[in-house]
Amino acid sequence: MSLILEQFPYAVSCMRGLEQSAALQGPLTPAATLDAHISEILDLAAQLHHPPEHVAMLYCAELTRLARMAVVADYLPVLTAKRVRSLLRSGHGG
């Protein structure tokens, strides 16, 4: 996990900030939440052949947006990944 943290300092910082906010307080522990998000970022980067750093920045922006509206935080990794996948496939993700 420490290698992942070194590779994605922006995304990790963003997600830790979100976890500390009221938007993501829920039944998941911060470590489990962070692992789920990092896993989604790496999967998207591999599946869609985009640089992980780019995917991480887009993912974090979408996560921030979705977290504001979330009622159940458990679904945020899946919903965020779906939205980022759609953006990258449509060419709107940069």
PDB file of N, CA and C in Angstrom:
ATOM      1  N   MET A   1       0.821  -1.197   0.000  1.00  0.00           N
ATOM      2  CA  MET A   1       0.000   0.000   0.000  1.00  0.00           C
ATOM      3  C   MET A   1       0.864   1.259   0.000  1.00  0.00           C
ATOM      4  N   SER A   2       2.033   1.234   0.620  1.00  0.00           N
ATOM      5  CA  SER A   2       2.849   2.442   0.675  1.00  0.00           C
ATOM      6  C   SER A   2       3.310   2.876  -0.713  1.00  0.00           C
ATOM      7  N   LEU A   3       3.572   1.924  -1.623  1.00  0.00           N
ATOM      8  CA  LEU A   3       3.941   2.270  -2.989  1.00  0.00           C
ATOM      9  C   LEU A   3       2.797   3.013  -3.667  1.00  0.00           C
ATOM     10  N   ILE A   4       1.580   2.559  -3.460  1.00  0.00           N
ATOM     11  CA  ILE A   4       0.407   3.217  -4.026  1.00  0.00           C
ATOM     12  C   ILE A   4       0.300   4.633  -3.481  1.00  0.00           C
ATOM     13  N   LEU A   5       0.494   4.809  -2.203  1.00  0.00           N
ATOM     14  CA  LEU A   5       0.404   6.136  -1.598  1.00  0.00           C
ATOM     15  C   LEU A   5       1.442   7.081  -2.191  1.00  0.00           C
ATOM     16  N   GLU A   6       2.621   6.573  -2.497  1.00  0.00           N
ATOM     17  CA  GLU A   6       3.661   7.401  -3.093  1.00  0.00           C
ATOM     18  C   GLU A   6       3.322   7.766  -4.530  1.00  0.00           C
ATOM     19  N   GLN A   7       2.656   6.874  -5.255  1.00  0.00           N
ATOM     20  CA  GLN A   7       2.345   7.111  -6.659  1.00  0.00           C
ATOM     21  C   GLN A   7       1.186   8.091  -6.848  1.00  0.00           C
ATOM     22  N   PHE A   8       0.284   8.152  -5.907  1.00  0.00           N
ATOM     23  CA  PHE A   8      -0.910   8.964  -6.061  1.00  0.00           C
ATOM     24  C   PHE A   8      -1.112   9.915  -4.884  1.00  0.00           C
ATOM     25  N   PRO A   9      -0.134  10.749  -4.597  1.00  0.00           N
ATOM     26  CA  PRO A   9      -0.273  11.612  -3.417  1.00  0.00           C
ATOM     27  C   PRO A   9      -1.472  12.553  -3.516  1.00  0.00           C
ATOM     28  N   TYR A  10      -1.763  13.074  -4.706  1.00  0.00           N
ATOM     29  CA  TYR A  10      -2.905  13.981  -4.865  1.00  0.00           C
ATOM     30  C   TYR A  10      -4.206  13.263  -4.560  1.00  0.00           C
ATOM     31  N   ALA A  11      -4.407  12.094  -5.150  1.00  0.00           N
ATOM     32  CA  ALA A  11      -5.646  11.351  -4.957  1.00  0.00           C
ATOM     33  C   ALA A  11      -5.799  10.907  -3.503  1.00  0.00           C
ATOM     34  N   VAL A  12      -4.722  10.442  -2.926  1.00  0.00           N
ATOM     35  CA  VAL A  12      -4.784   9.989  -1.533  1.00  0.00           C
ATOM     36  C   VAL A  12      -5.117  11.163  -0.619  1.00  0.00           C
ATOM     37  N   SER A  13      -4.494  12.297  -0.858  1.00  0.00           N
ATOM     38  CA  SER A  13      -4.779  13.487  -0.055  1.00  0.00           C
ATOM     39  C   SER A  13      -6.243  13.899  -0.201  1.00  0.00           C
ATOM     40  N   CYS A  14      -6.731  13.886  -1.410  1.00  0.00           N
ATOM     41  CA  CYS A  14      -8.121  14.247  -1.677  1.00  0.00           C
ATOM     42  C   CYS A  14      -9.074  13.298  -0.959  1.00  0.00           C
ATOM     43  N   MET A  15      -8.828  12.003  -1.077  1.00  0.00           N
ATOM     44  CA  MET A  15      -9.717  11.018  -0.470  1.00  0.00           C
ATOM     45  C   MET A  15      -9.668  11.067   1.050  1.00  0.00           C
ATOM     46  N   ARG A  16      -8.503  11.293   1.589  1.00  0.00           N
ATOM     47  CA  ARG A  16      -8.410  11.409   3.056  1.00  0.00           C
ATOM     48  C   ARG A  16      -9.177  12.631   3.541  1.00  0.00           C
ATOM     49  N   GLY A  17      -9.099  13.707   2.787  1.00  0.00           N
ATOM     50  CA  GLY A  17      -9.871  14.896   3.135  1.00  0.00           C
ATOM     51  C   GLY A  17     -11.362  14.626   3.088  1.00  0.00           C
ATOM     52  N   LEU A  18     -11.796  13.891   2.073  1.00  0.00           N
ATOM     53  CA  LEU A  18     -13.215  13.550   1.966  1.00  0.00           C
ATOM     54  C   LEU A  18     -13.658  12.633   3.100  1.00  0.00           C
ATOM     55  N   GLU A  19     -12.799  11.692   3.446  1.00  0.00           N
ATOM     56  CA  GLU A  19     -13.147  10.759   4.523  1.00  0.00           C
ATOM     57  C   GLU A  19     -13.334  11.486   5.843  1.00  0.00           C
ATOM     58  N   GLN A  20     -12.611  12.576   6.016  1.00  0.00           N
ATOM     59  CA  GLN A  20     -12.722  13.336   7.258  1.00  0.00           C
ATOM     60  C   GLN A  20     -13.915  14.282   7.240  1.00  0.00           C
ATOM     61  N   SER A  21     -14.454  14.516   6.047  1.00  0.00           N
ATOM     62  CA  SER A  21     -15.609  15.409   5.954  1.00  0.00           C
ATOM     63  C   SER A  21     -16.884  14.667   6.343  1.00  0.00           C
ATOM     64  N   ALA A  22     -17.919  15.396   6.571  1.00  0.00           N
ATOM     65  CA  ALA A  22     -19.201  14.794   6.937  1.00  0.00           C
ATOM     66  C   ALA A  22     -19.776  13.966   5.797  1.00  0.00           C
ATOM     67  N   ALA A  23     -19.397  14.270   4.563  1.00  0.00           N
ATOM     68  CA  ALA A  23     -19.973  13.589   3.405  1.00  0.00           C
ATOM     69  C   ALA A  23     -19.676  12.098   3.388  1.00  0.00           C
ATOM     70  N   LEU A  24     -18.531  11.692   3.896  1.00  0.00           N
ATOM     71  CA  LEU A  24     -18.168  10.283   3.802  1.00  0.00           C
ATOM     72  C   LEU A  24     -18.162   9.557   5.138  1.00  0.00           C
ATOM     73  N   GLN A  25     -18.698  10.132   6.155  1.00  0.00           N
ATOM     74  CA  GLN A  25     -18.741   9.417   7.427  1.00  0.00           C
ATOM     75  C   GLN A  25     -19.808   8.338   7.325  1.00  0.00           C
ATOM     76  N   GLY A  26     -19.404   7.135   7.563  1.00  0.00           N
ATOM     77  CA  GLY A  26     -20.324   6.020   7.448  1.00  0.00           C
ATOM     78  C   GLY A  26     -19.706   4.772   8.017  1.00  0.00           C
ATOM     79  N   PRO A  27     -20.236   3.605   7.637  1.00  0.00           N
ATOM     80  CA  PRO A  27     -19.798   2.356   8.231  1.00  0.00           C
ATOM     81  C   PRO A  27     -18.421   1.881   7.789  1.00  0.00           C
ATOM     82  N   LEU A  28     -17.881   2.393   6.680  1.00  0.00           N
ATOM     83  CA  LEU A  28     -16.573   1.945   6.225  1.00  0.00           C
ATOM     84  C   LEU A  28     -15.468   2.638   6.997  1.00  0.00           C
ATOM     85  N   THR A  29     -14.440   1.902   7.281  1.00  0.00           N
ATOM     86  CA  THR A  29     -13.276   2.521   7.920  1.00  0.00           C
ATOM     87  C   THR A  29     -12.519   3.311   6.860  1.00  0.00           C
ATOM     88  N   PRO A  30     -11.796   4.355   7.238  1.00  0.00           N
ATOM     89  CA  PRO A  30     -11.040   5.115   6.239  1.00  0.00           C
ATOM     90  C   PRO A  30     -10.078   4.263   5.423  1.00  0.00           C
ATOM     91  N   ALA A  31      -9.406   3.307   6.050  1.00  0.00           N
ATOM     92  CA  ALA A  31      -8.462   2.460   5.313  1.00  0.00           C
ATOM     93  C   ALA A  31      -9.181   1.619   4.261  1.00  0.00           C
ATOM     94  N   ALA A  32     -10.319   1.050   4.603  1.00  0.00           N
ATOM     95  CA  ALA A  32     -11.082   0.246   3.646  1.00  0.00           C
ATOM     96  C   ALA A  32     -11.588   1.111   2.503  1.00  0.00           C
ATOM     97  N   THR A  33     -12.033   2.312   2.816  1.00  0.00           N
ATOM     98  CA  THR A  33     -12.521   3.227   1.795  1.00  0.00           C
ATOM     99  C   THR A  33     -11.393   3.620   0.859  1.00  0.00           C
ATOM    100  N   LEU A  34     -10.266   3.974   1.401  1.00  0.00           N
ATOM    101  CA  LEU A  34      -9.122   4.369   0.587  1.00  0.00           C
ATOM    102  C   LEU A  34      -8.689   3.220  -0.320  1.00  0.00           C
ATOM    103  N   ASP A  35      -8.610   2.028   0.211  1.00  0.00           N
ATOM    104  CA  ASP A  35      -8.247   0.848  -0.591  1.00  0.00           C
ATOM    105  C   ASP A  35      -9.219   0.641  -1.745  1.00  0.00           C
ATOM    106  N   ALA A  36     -10.500   0.798  -1.486  1.00  0.00           N
ATOM    107  CA  ALA A  36     -11.509   0.615  -2.532  1.00  0.00           C
ATOM    108  C   ALA A  36     -11.338   1.645  -3.639  1.00  0.00           C
ATOM    109  N   HIS A  37     -11.090   2.889  -3.267  1.00  0.00           N
ATOM    110  CA  HIS A  37     -10.921   3.938  -4.269  1.00  0.00           C
ATOM    111  C   HIS A  37      -9.642   3.740  -5.081  1.00  0.00           C
ATOM    112  N   ILE A  38      -8.541   3.430  -4.427  1.00  0.00           N
ATOM    113  CA  ILE A  38      -7.277   3.202  -5.133  1.00  0.00           C
ATOM    114  C   ILE A  38      -7.418   2.019  -6.087  1.00  0.00           C
ATOM    115  N   SER A  39      -8.085   0.976  -5.653  1.00  0.00           N
ATOM    116  CA  SER A  39      -8.318  -0.186  -6.505  1.00  0.00           C
ATOM    117  C   SER A  39      -9.115   0.194  -7.750  1.00  0.00           C
ATOM    118  N   GLU A  40     -10.150   1.001  -7.576  1.00  0.00           N
ATOM    119  CA  GLU A  40     -10.951   1.451  -8.711  1.00  0.00           C
ATOM    120  C   GLU A  40     -10.110   2.285  -9.677  1.00  0.00           C
ATOM    121  N   ILE A  41      -9.271   3.165  -9.144  1.00  0.00           N
ATOM    122  CA  ILE A  41      -8.413   4.007  -9.984  1.00  0.00           C
ATOM    123  C   ILE A  41      -7.472   3.142 -10.818  1.00  0.00           C
ATOM    124  N   LEU A  42      -6.823   2.185 -10.189  1.00  0.00           N
ATOM    125  CA  LEU A  42      -5.886   1.318 -10.908  1.00  0.00           C
ATOM    126  C   LEU A  42      -6.597   0.465 -11.947  1.00  0.00           C
ATOM    127  N   ASP A  43      -7.773  -0.050 -11.616  1.00  0.00           N
ATOM    128  CA  ASP A  43      -8.550  -0.844 -12.569  1.00  0.00           C
ATOM    129  C   ASP A  43      -8.953  -0.019 -13.785  1.00  0.00           C
ATOM    130  N   LEU A  44      -9.435   1.198 -13.544  1.00  0.00           N
ATOM    131  CA  LEU A  44      -9.836   2.072 -14.651  1.00  0.00           C
ATOM    132  C   LEU A  44      -8.639   2.400 -15.544  1.00  0.00           C
ATOM    133  N   ALA A  45      -7.525   2.726 -14.946  1.00  0.00           N
ATOM    134  CA  ALA A  45      -6.333   3.068 -15.725  1.00  0.00           C
ATOM    135  C   ALA A  45      -5.919   1.896 -16.616  1.00  0.00           C
ATOM    136  N   ALA A  46      -5.945   0.694 -16.067  1.00  0.00           N
ATOM    137  CA  ALA A  46      -5.552  -0.485 -16.840  1.00  0.00           C
ATOM    138  C   ALA A  46      -6.572  -0.806 -17.935  1.00  0.00           C
ATOM    139  N   GLN A  47      -7.851  -0.769 -17.591  1.00  0.00           N
ATOM    140  CA  GLN A  47      -8.905  -1.103 -18.555  1.00  0.00           C
ATOM    141  C   GLN A  47      -8.973  -0.127 -19.715  1.00  0.00           C
ATOM    142  N   LEU A  48      -8.797   1.152 -19.426  1.00  0.00           N
ATOM    143  CA  LEU A  48      -9.013   2.177 -20.437  1.00  0.00           C
ATOM    144  C   LEU A  48      -7.710   2.741 -21.015  1.00  0.00           C
ATOM    145  N   HIS A  49      -6.577   2.205 -20.571  1.00  0.00           N
ATOM    146  CA  HIS A  49      -5.266   2.592 -21.091  1.00  0.00           C
ATOM    147  C   HIS A  49      -5.011   4.099 -20.954  1.00  0.00           C
ATOM    148  N   HIS A  50      -5.265   4.590 -19.766  1.00  0.00           N
ATOM    149  CA  HIS A  50      -4.978   5.987 -19.427  1.00  0.00           C
ATOM    150  C   HIS A  50      -3.950   5.997 -18.306  1.00  0.00           C
ATOM    151  N   PRO A  51      -3.154   7.052 -18.224  1.00  0.00           N
ATOM    152  CA  PRO A  51      -2.183   7.128 -17.124  1.00  0.00           C
ATOM    153  C   PRO A  51      -2.898   7.142 -15.771  1.00  0.00           C
ATOM    154  N   PRO A  52      -2.429   6.358 -14.826  1.00  0.00           N
ATOM    155  CA  PRO A  52      -3.075   6.317 -13.513  1.00  0.00           C
ATOM    156  C   PRO A  52      -3.181   7.686 -12.846  1.00  0.00           C
ATOM    157  N   GLU A  53      -2.188   8.540 -13.064  1.00  0.00           N
ATOM    158  CA  GLU A  53      -2.224   9.866 -12.454  1.00  0.00           C
ATOM    159  C   GLU A  53      -3.404  10.682 -12.984  1.00  0.00           C
ATOM    160  N   HIS A  54      -3.656  10.571 -14.287  1.00  0.00           N
ATOM    161  CA  HIS A  54      -4.781  11.281 -14.906  1.00  0.00           C
ATOM    162  C   HIS A  54      -6.109  10.741 -14.373  1.00  0.00           C
ATOM    163  N   VAL A  55      -6.208   9.426 -14.322  1.00  0.00           N
ATOM    164  CA  VAL A  55      -7.424   8.794 -13.814  1.00  0.00           C
ATOM    165  C   VAL A  55      -7.647   9.193 -12.357  1.00  0.00           C
ATOM    166  N   ALA A  56      -6.581   9.232 -11.575  1.00  0.00           N
ATOM    167  CA  ALA A  56      -6.705   9.584 -10.155  1.00  0.00           C
ATOM    168  C   ALA A  56      -7.241  10.998  -9.975  1.00  0.00           C
ATOM    169  N   MET A  57      -6.757  11.936 -10.787  1.00  0.00           N
ATOM    170  CA  MET A  57      -7.232  13.313 -10.659  1.00  0.00           C
ATOM    171  C   MET A  57      -8.694  13.435 -11.070  1.00  0.00           C
ATOM    172  N   LEU A  58      -9.076  12.789 -12.168  1.00  0.00           N
ATOM    173  CA  LEU A  58     -10.464  12.811 -12.616  1.00  0.00           C
ATOM    174  C   LEU A  58     -11.368  12.104 -11.604  1.00  0.00           C
ATOM    175  N   TYR A  59     -10.896  10.982 -11.092  1.00  0.00           N
ATOM    176  CA  TYR A  59     -11.657  10.205 -10.117  1.00  0.00           C
ATOM    177  C   TYR A  59     -11.911  11.033  -8.860  1.00  0.00           C
ATOM    178  N   CYS A  60     -10.879  11.712  -8.403  1.00  0.00           N
ATOM    179  CA  CYS A  60     -11.017  12.497  -7.184  1.00  0.00           C
ATOM    180  C   CYS A  60     -12.003  13.648  -7.378  1.00  0.00           C
ATOM    181  N   ALA A  61     -11.964  14.280  -8.538  1.00  0.00           N
ATOM    182  CA  ALA A  61     -12.911  15.363  -8.819  1.00  0.00           C
ATOM    183  C   ALA A  61     -14.349  14.841  -8.822  1.00  0.00           C
ATOM    184  N   GLU A  62     -14.555  13.691  -9.459  1.00  0.00           N
ATOM    185  CA  GLU A  62     -15.901  13.109  -9.500  1.00  0.00           C
ATOM    186  C   GLU A  62     -16.335  12.626  -8.119  1.00  0.00           C
ATOM    187  N   LEU A  63     -15.405  12.046  -7.375  1.00  0.00           N
ATOM    188  CA  LEU A  63     -15.721  11.580  -6.028  1.00  0.00           C
ATOM    189  C   LEU A  63     -16.165  12.745  -5.155  1.00  0.00           C
ATOM    190  N   THR A  64     -15.476  13.853  -5.264  1.00  0.00           N
ATOM    191  CA  THR A  64     -15.832  15.040  -4.491  1.00  0.00           C
ATOM    192  C   THR A  64     -17.240  15.495  -4.846  1.00  0.00           C
ATOM    193  N   ARG A  65     -17.530  15.513  -6.142  1.00  0.00           N
ATOM    194  CA  ARG A  65     -18.853  15.941  -6.604  1.00  0.00           C
ATOM    195  C   ARG A  65     -19.945  14.991  -6.105  1.00  0.00           C
ATOM    196  N   LEU A  66     -19.724  13.701  -6.259  1.00  0.00           N
ATOM    197  CA  LEU A  66     -20.732  12.719  -5.854  1.00  0.00           C
ATOM    198  C   LEU A  66     -20.895  12.638  -4.334  1.00  0.00           C
ATOM    199  N   ALA A  67     -19.813  12.834  -3.601  1.00  0.00           N
ATOM    200  CA  ALA A  67     -19.867  12.731  -2.140  1.00  0.00           C
ATOM    201  C   ALA A  67     -20.795  13.779  -1.535  1.00  0.00           C
ATOM    202  N   ARG A  68     -20.887  14.913  -2.202  1.00  0.00           N
ATOM    203  CA  ARG A  68     -21.770  15.974  -1.697  1.00  0.00           C
ATOM    204  C   ARG A  68     -23.237  15.557  -1.703  1.00  0.00           C
ATOM    205  N   MET A  69     -23.597  14.669  -2.636  1.00  0.00           N
ATOM    206  CA  MET A  69     -24.993  14.252  -2.790  1.00  0.00           C
ATOM    207  C   MET A  69     -25.273  12.883  -2.180  1.00  0.00           C
ATOM    208  N   ALA A  70     -24.231  12.180  -1.771  1.00  0.00           N
ATOM    209  CA  ALA A  70     -24.374  10.784  -1.343  1.00  0.00           C
ATOM    210  C   ALA A  70     -25.197  10.641  -0.076  1.00  0.00           C
ATOM    211  N   VAL A  71     -26.094   9.676  -0.113  1.00  0.00           N
ATOM    212  CA  VAL A  71     -26.849   9.297   1.072  1.00  0.00           C
ATOM    213  C   VAL A  71     -26.170   8.094   1.711  1.00  0.00           C
ATOM    214  N   VAL A  72     -25.669   7.180   0.877  1.00  0.00           N
ATOM    215  CA  VAL A  72     -24.975   5.979   1.343  1.00  0.00           C
ATOM    216  C   VAL A  72     -23.575   5.987   0.750  1.00  0.00           C
ATOM    217  N   ALA A  73     -22.574   6.162   1.587  1.00  0.00           N
ATOM    218  CA  ALA A  73     -21.183   6.264   1.119  1.00  0.00           C
ATOM    219  C   ALA A  73     -20.640   4.940   0.587  1.00  0.00           C
ATOM    220  N   ASP A  74     -21.246   3.825   0.956  1.00  0.00           N
ATOM    221  CA  ASP A  74     -20.753   2.516   0.541  1.00  0.00           C
ATOM    222  C   ASP A  74     -20.657   2.382  -0.975  1.00  0.00           C
ATOM    223  N   TYR A  75     -21.506   3.062  -1.705  1.00  0.00           N
ATOM    224  CA  TYR A  75     -21.579   2.917  -3.151  1.00  0.00           C
ATOM    225  C   TYR A  75     -20.699   3.913  -3.901  1.00  0.00           C
ATOM    226  N   LEU A  76     -20.053   4.814  -3.214  1.00  0.00           N
ATOM    227  CA  LEU A  76     -19.264   5.840  -3.882  1.00  0.00           C
ATOM    228  C   LEU A  76     -18.140   5.298  -4.772  1.00  0.00           C
ATOM    229  N   PRO A  77     -17.373   4.279  -4.359  1.00  0.00           N
ATOM    230  CA  PRO A  77     -16.340   3.781  -5.274  1.00  0.00           C
ATOM    231  C   PRO A  77     -16.918   3.271  -6.596  1.00  0.00           C
ATOM    232  N   VAL A  78     -18.002   2.548  -6.535  1.00  0.00           N
ATOM    233  CA  VAL A  78     -18.612   1.996  -7.749  1.00  0.00           C
ATOM    234  C   VAL A  78     -19.224   3.093  -8.607  1.00  0.00           C
ATOM    235  N   LEU A  79     -19.958   3.998  -7.989  1.00  0.00           N
ATOM    236  CA  LEU A  79     -20.595   5.080  -8.743  1.00  0.00           C
ATOM    237  C   LEU A  79     -19.564   6.022  -9.351  1.00  0.00           C
ATOM    238  N   THR A  80     -18.526   6.318  -8.604  1.00  0.00           N
ATOM    239  CA  THR A  80     -17.477   7.198  -9.109  1.00  0.00           C
ATOM    240  C   THR A  80     -16.756   6.543 -10.282  1.00  0.00           C
ATOM    241  N   ALA A  81     -16.425   5.270 -10.149  1.00  0.00           N
ATOM    242  CA  ALA A  81     -15.749   4.549 -11.236  1.00  0.00           C
ATOM    243  C   ALA A  81     -16.617   4.521 -12.494  1.00  0.00           C
ATOM    244  N   LYS A  82     -17.900   4.310 -12.322  1.00  0.00           N
ATOM    245  CA  LYS A  82     -18.808   4.280 -13.472  1.00  0.00           C
ATOM    246  C   LYS A  82     -18.810   5.629 -14.193  1.00  0.00           C
ATOM    247  N   ARG A  83     -18.860   6.699 -13.440  1.00  0.00           N
ATOM    248  CA  ARG A  83     -18.886   8.040 -14.022  1.00  0.00           C
ATOM    249  C   ARG A  83     -17.551   8.360 -14.711  1.00  0.00           C
ATOM    250  N   VAL A  84     -16.438   8.024 -14.077  1.00  0.00           N
ATOM    251  CA  VAL A  84     -15.125   8.281 -14.663  1.00  0.00           C
ATOM    252  C   VAL A  84     -14.946   7.448 -15.935  1.00  0.00           C
ATOM    253  N   ARG A  85     -15.355   6.196 -15.899  1.00  0.00           N
ATOM    254  CA  ARG A  85     -15.278   5.338 -17.085  1.00  0.00           C
ATOM    255  C   ARG A  85     -16.037   5.967 -18.245  1.00  0.00           C
ATOM    256  N   SER A  86     -17.235   6.449 -17.959  1.00  0.00           N
ATOM    257  CA  SER A  86     -18.053   7.076 -18.983  1.00  0.00           C
ATOM    258  C   SER A  86     -17.379   8.332 -19.536  1.00  0.00           C
ATOM    259  N   LEU A  87     -16.835   9.158 -18.659  1.00  0.00           N
ATOM    260  CA  LEU A  87     -16.150  10.375 -19.093  1.00  0.00           C
ATOM    261  C   LEU A  87     -14.938  10.066 -19.972  1.00  0.00           C
ATOM    262  N   LEU A  88     -14.152   9.101 -19.564  1.00  0.00           N
ATOM    263  CA  LEU A  88     -12.952   8.757 -20.326  1.00  0.00           C
ATOM    264  C   LEU A  88     -13.302   8.138 -21.682  1.00  0.00           C
ATOM    265  N   ARG A  89     -14.312   7.307 -21.722  1.00  0.00           N
ATOM    266  CA  ARG A  89     -14.737   6.705 -22.984  1.00  0.00           C
ATOM    267  C   ARG A  89     -15.321   7.728 -23.957  1.00  0.00           C
ATOM    268  N   SER A  90     -16.002   8.728 -23.428  1.00  0.00           N
ATOM    269  CA  SER A  90     -16.621   9.726 -24.280  1.00  0.00           C
ATOM    270  C   SER A  90     -15.646  10.821 -24.711  1.00  0.00           C
ATOM    271  N   GLY A  91     -14.459  10.814 -24.123  1.00  0.00           N
ATOM    272  CA  GLY A  91     -13.462  11.818 -24.461  1.00  0.00           C
ATOM    273  C   GLY A  91     -13.549  13.084 -23.638  1.00  0.00           C
ATOM    274  N   HIS A  92     -14.479  13.141 -22.689  1.00  0.00           N
ATOM    275  CA  HIS A  92     -14.629  14.328 -21.846  1.00  0.00           C
ATOM    276  C   HIS A  92     -13.686  14.331 -20.660  1.00  0.00           C
ATOM    277  N   GLY A  93     -12.960  13.255 -20.477  1.00  0.00           N
ATOM    278  CA  GLY A  93     -12.058  13.165 -19.340  1.00  0.00           C
ATOM    279  C   GLY A  93     -10.671  13.695 -19.618  1.00  0.00           C
ATOM    280  N   GLY A  94     -10.496  14.279 -20.771  1.00  0.00           N
ATOM    281  CA  GLY A  94      -9.180  14.839 -21.096  1.00  0.00           C
ATOM    282  C   GLY A  94      -8.483  13.916 -21.953  1.00  0.00           C
TER     283      GLY A  94
END
